[in-house]
């Protein structure tokens, strides 16, 4: 059950989302004005009513983001208003006025899940190699490594999963993402470049024949220390 704040300029007491009344969420409705935002109560998510005035609703959404009001921002629109919504609104999701309780509940849950705290940046130290996720930097025996963004991501991913073997397909998915259309040859190229930059420590990225790659610590050394910042 979430605490929801609904902002509306509608003069009547009719609910902005009728189906929302059928759910167990706690809902508080206040006028959609900048003055009300100053004293707005805390909420897990904010819902802006854009059914009748799209221009005013867009300005309000922008204002909400600039004032630092926390939580996901959802927009309620009519079917005709959908065409006006874009990334400029800086919202997390859109709800049609005709949405049923199951759809509304699912969208609220998904929006709230995206707001869950992310993990603290990780710093990895192994075999003279230091990888700092927060600054996107890596050093070998104190000397900075000149890595591209993807080279850093690949090295960081392997180092935070020591000794685990990943196929090229898995690395493409984890480092480049599911929407990447290049082939697995990309992984081989980046591994070769990383090894060249690691110099005499190139063995840190090991090859498992016919399988893929893994991160190797020097013999006799414990697994890389992954410390939260």
Protein backbone atom coordinates (compact mmCIF):
# COMPACT_ATOMS: atom_id res chain seq x y z
CA UNK A 1 0.00 0.00 0.00
CA UNK A 2 1.45 3.34 -1.09
CA UNK A 3 0.85 6.93 -0.06
CA UNK A 4 -0.25 8.80 -3.18
CA UNK A 5 -0.53 12.55 -3.71
CA UNK A 6 -2.93 13.66 -6.45
CA UNK A 7 -2.63 17.18 -7.87
CA UNK A 8 -5.68 18.43 -9.75
CA UNK A 9 -7.23 21.71 -10.87
CA UNK A 10 -10.67 20.15 -11.36
CA UNK A 11 -13.32 22.20 -9.52
CA UNK A 12 -15.48 19.21 -8.64
CA UNK A 13 -14.90 16.57 -6.00
CA UNK A 14 -15.07 13.75 -8.55
CA UNK A 15 -11.99 11.49 -8.39
CA UNK A 16 -9.31 12.00 -11.02
CA UNK A 17 -8.95 8.24 -11.45
CA UNK A 18 -12.20 6.51 -10.49
CA UNK A 19 -10.59 3.06 -10.46
CA UNK A 20 -7.99 4.25 -7.97
CA UNK A 21 -10.73 4.41 -5.36
CA UNK A 22 -11.04 0.62 -5.57
CA UNK A 23 -7.45 0.06 -4.46
CA UNK A 24 -6.03 0.06 -0.95
CA UNK A 25 -3.54 2.89 -1.53
CA UNK A 26 -3.82 5.95 0.69
CA UNK A 27 -4.75 8.87 -1.55
CA UNK A 28 -4.63 12.57 -0.73
CA UNK A 29 -5.83 15.13 -3.27
CA UNK A 30 -4.70 18.76 -3.24
CA UNK A 31 -5.06 21.70 -5.70
CA UNK A 32 -2.55 21.68 -8.54
CA UNK A 33 -0.91 25.00 -7.71
CA UNK A 34 2.69 25.96 -6.96
CA UNK A 35 1.62 27.33 -3.56
CA UNK A 36 0.23 23.95 -2.52
CA UNK A 37 3.48 22.25 -3.48
CA UNK A 38 5.36 24.20 -0.82
CA UNK A 39 3.42 22.52 1.98
CA UNK A 40 2.64 19.28 0.15
CA UNK A 41 2.67 16.19 2.39
CA UNK A 42 5.18 13.40 1.87
CA UNK A 43 4.11 10.78 -0.64
CA UNK A 44 5.49 7.66 -2.26
CA UNK A 45 4.30 8.84 -5.68
CA UNK A 46 2.74 11.97 -7.18
CA UNK A 47 -0.10 11.88 -9.71
CA UNK A 48 -0.78 14.98 -11.83
CA UNK A 49 -4.17 15.52 -13.43
CA UNK A 50 -3.72 16.63 -17.06
CA UNK A 51 -7.20 15.82 -18.31
CA UNK A 52 -8.35 19.37 -18.97
CA UNK A 53 -5.24 21.59 -19.15
CA UNK A 54 -2.19 20.02 -20.74
CA UNK A 55 -0.14 23.22 -20.77
CA UNK A 56 -0.62 23.86 -17.06
CA UNK A 57 0.02 20.20 -16.24
CA UNK A 58 3.30 20.21 -18.17
CA UNK A 59 4.47 23.32 -16.31
CA UNK A 60 3.49 21.72 -13.02
CA UNK A 61 5.44 18.54 -13.80
CA UNK A 62 8.54 20.60 -14.60
CA UNK A 63 8.08 22.57 -11.40
CA UNK A 64 7.76 19.38 -9.35
CA UNK A 65 11.06 18.10 -10.72
CA UNK A 66 12.87 21.37 -10.10
CA UNK A 67 11.56 21.67 -6.54
CA UNK A 68 13.00 18.26 -5.72
CA UNK A 69 9.74 16.58 -4.72
CA UNK A 70 10.68 12.94 -4.28
CA UNK A 71 8.99 9.87 -5.70
CA UNK A 72 7.75 8.77 -9.13
CA UNK A 73 5.68 11.23 -11.13
CA UNK A 74 2.67 9.86 -12.98
CA UNK A 75 0.37 11.73 -15.37
CA UNK A 76 -3.36 11.23 -15.90
CA UNK A 77 -4.54 12.08 -19.42
CA UNK A 78 -7.42 11.41 -21.76
CA UNK A 79 -6.94 9.40 -24.93
CA UNK A 80 -6.70 12.63 -26.91
CA UNK A 81 -4.02 14.06 -24.63
CA UNK A 82 -1.63 11.17 -25.15
CA UNK A 83 -0.19 12.71 -28.32
CA UNK A 84 1.04 15.77 -26.39
CA UNK A 85 3.10 13.81 -23.87
CA UNK A 86 6.86 13.57 -24.46
CA UNK A 87 10.14 13.27 -22.58
CA UNK A 88 10.04 17.00 -21.89
CA UNK A 89 7.34 16.34 -19.29
CA UNK A 90 9.91 14.49 -17.14
CA UNK A 91 7.32 12.01 -15.91
CA UNK A 92 7.74 8.33 -15.09
CA UNK A 93 4.52 6.95 -16.54
CA UNK A 94 1.13 7.83 -18.04
CA UNK A 95 -2.31 6.68 -16.94
CA UNK A 96 -5.44 6.96 -19.02
CA UNK A 97 -8.58 8.11 -17.24
CA UNK A 98 -10.20 4.84 -18.32
CA UNK A 99 -7.52 2.63 -16.77
CA UNK A 100 -8.82 -0.17 -14.58
CA UNK A 101 -7.66 -0.91 -11.03
CA UNK A 102 -5.34 -3.75 -12.05
CA UNK A 103 -3.51 -1.57 -14.59
CA UNK A 104 -3.24 1.38 -12.20
CA UNK A 105 -1.91 -0.81 -9.41
CA UNK A 106 0.65 -2.44 -11.72
CA UNK A 107 1.91 0.90 -13.03
CA UNK A 108 2.23 2.31 -9.51
CA UNK A 109 4.15 -0.76 -8.34
CA UNK A 110 6.50 -0.60 -11.32
CA UNK A 111 7.10 3.13 -10.84
CA UNK A 112 7.87 2.62 -7.16
CA UNK A 113 10.23 -0.27 -7.89
CA UNK A 114 12.31 2.02 -10.12
CA UNK A 115 12.78 4.34 -7.15
CA UNK A 116 14.43 1.70 -4.96
CA UNK A 117 17.85 2.80 -3.71
CA UNK A 118 20.68 1.76 -5.98
CA UNK A 119 23.73 -0.01 -4.66
CA UNK A 120 26.64 2.02 -3.38
CA UNK A 121 29.56 2.41 -5.82
CA UNK A 122 32.04 -0.45 -5.59
CA UNK A 123 35.82 -0.18 -5.39
CA UNK A 124 37.79 -3.26 -6.43
CA UNK A 125 41.42 -3.91 -5.49
CA UNK A 126 43.38 -6.92 -6.75
CA UNK A 127 46.86 -7.71 -8.03
CA UNK A 128 47.88 -4.05 -8.03
CA UNK A 129 44.70 -3.10 -9.87
CA UNK A 130 42.29 -0.57 -8.37
CA UNK A 131 38.90 0.05 -9.96
CA UNK A 132 36.77 2.91 -8.67
CA UNK A 133 33.19 2.78 -9.96
CA UNK A 134 32.32 6.18 -8.53
CA UNK A 135 34.95 8.04 -10.55
CA UNK A 136 34.96 5.61 -13.48
CA UNK A 137 38.71 5.24 -13.14
CA UNK A 138 41.16 2.37 -12.93
CA UNK A 139 44.79 2.28 -11.84
CA UNK A 140 47.49 -0.34 -12.13
CA UNK A 141 50.14 -0.07 -9.40
CA UNK A 142 49.06 3.51 -8.88
CA UNK A 143 49.33 4.51 -12.56
CA UNK A 144 46.05 5.52 -14.26
CA UNK A 145 44.80 3.27 -17.04
CA UNK A 146 43.57 5.08 -20.14
CA UNK A 147 40.35 3.13 -20.71
CA UNK A 148 37.36 3.87 -22.88
CA UNK A 149 33.94 3.80 -21.24
CA UNK A 150 33.17 0.27 -22.47
CA UNK A 151 36.62 -1.01 -21.60
CA UNK A 152 36.12 0.25 -18.06
CA UNK A 153 32.65 -1.32 -17.84
CA UNK A 154 33.94 -4.67 -19.09
CA UNK A 155 36.89 -4.68 -16.69
CA UNK A 156 34.69 -3.60 -13.78
CA UNK A 157 32.09 -6.28 -14.51
CA UNK A 158 34.64 -9.08 -14.72
CA UNK A 159 36.52 -7.91 -11.63
CA UNK A 160 33.37 -7.77 -9.51
CA UNK A 161 32.64 -11.40 -10.44
CA UNK A 162 36.08 -12.98 -9.85
CA UNK A 163 36.76 -16.49 -11.18
CA UNK A 164 33.30 -16.72 -12.73
CA UNK A 165 33.36 -17.56 -16.41
CA UNK A 166 31.13 -15.55 -18.76
CA UNK A 167 30.35 -16.39 -22.34
CA UNK A 168 30.68 -13.68 -24.96
CA UNK A 169 26.92 -13.57 -25.26
CA UNK A 170 26.56 -13.01 -21.50
CA UNK A 171 29.11 -10.20 -21.57
CA UNK A 172 27.34 -8.55 -24.48
CA UNK A 173 24.10 -8.66 -22.51
CA UNK A 174 25.58 -7.42 -19.22
CA UNK A 175 27.96 -4.76 -20.53
CA UNK A 176 26.52 -3.64 -23.85
CA UNK A 177 22.87 -4.34 -23.14
CA UNK A 178 20.13 -6.35 -24.81
CA UNK A 179 19.55 -3.69 -27.46
CA UNK A 180 23.11 -3.93 -28.81
CA UNK A 181 23.12 -5.27 -32.36
CA UNK A 182 26.85 -5.96 -32.77
CA UNK A 183 28.34 -9.43 -32.74
CA UNK A 184 30.37 -11.25 -30.11
CA UNK A 185 33.53 -10.20 -31.94
CA UNK A 186 33.12 -6.89 -30.09
CA UNK A 187 33.91 -8.64 -26.81
CA UNK A 188 37.09 -10.17 -28.20
CA UNK A 189 38.28 -6.81 -29.48
CA UNK A 190 37.71 -5.10 -26.13
CA UNK A 191 39.41 -7.92 -24.22
CA UNK A 192 42.44 -7.66 -26.51
CA UNK A 193 42.64 -3.89 -25.95
CA UNK A 194 42.26 -4.30 -22.19
CA UNK A 195 45.05 -6.88 -22.04
CA UNK A 196 47.33 -4.57 -24.01
CA UNK A 197 46.71 -1.77 -21.51
CA UNK A 198 47.22 -4.09 -18.54
CA UNK A 199 50.69 -4.99 -19.84
CA UNK A 200 52.39 -7.61 -17.66
CA UNK A 201 49.12 -8.04 -15.77
CA UNK A 202 47.19 -9.08 -18.87
CA UNK A 203 46.64 -12.49 -17.29
CA UNK A 204 44.04 -10.87 -15.00
CA UNK A 205 41.59 -11.42 -17.85
CA UNK A 206 41.70 -15.13 -18.46
CA UNK A 207 40.37 -17.11 -21.39
CA UNK A 208 38.45 -20.33 -20.91
CA UNK A 209 38.71 -22.08 -24.25
CA UNK A 210 35.42 -22.55 -26.07
CA UNK A 211 33.54 -20.81 -23.26
CA UNK A 212 34.52 -17.20 -22.62
CA UNK A 213 36.41 -14.99 -20.20
CA UNK A 214 36.92 -14.55 -16.47
CA UNK A 215 38.84 -12.35 -14.04
CA UNK A 216 41.91 -14.01 -12.48
CA UNK A 217 43.66 -12.86 -9.32
CA UNK A 218 47.36 -13.53 -9.00
CA UNK A 219 48.20 -16.95 -7.62
CA UNK A 220 48.20 -17.02 -3.84
CA UNK A 221 46.15 -13.84 -3.64
CA UNK A 222 42.59 -13.88 -2.31
CA UNK A 223 39.70 -12.87 -4.46
CA UNK A 224 39.52 -9.15 -5.29
CA UNK A 225 38.22 -7.05 -2.43
CA UNK A 226 35.01 -5.29 -3.41
CA UNK A 227 34.49 -2.54 -0.88
CA UNK A 228 31.49 -0.24 -0.68
CA UNK A 229 32.40 3.42 -0.73
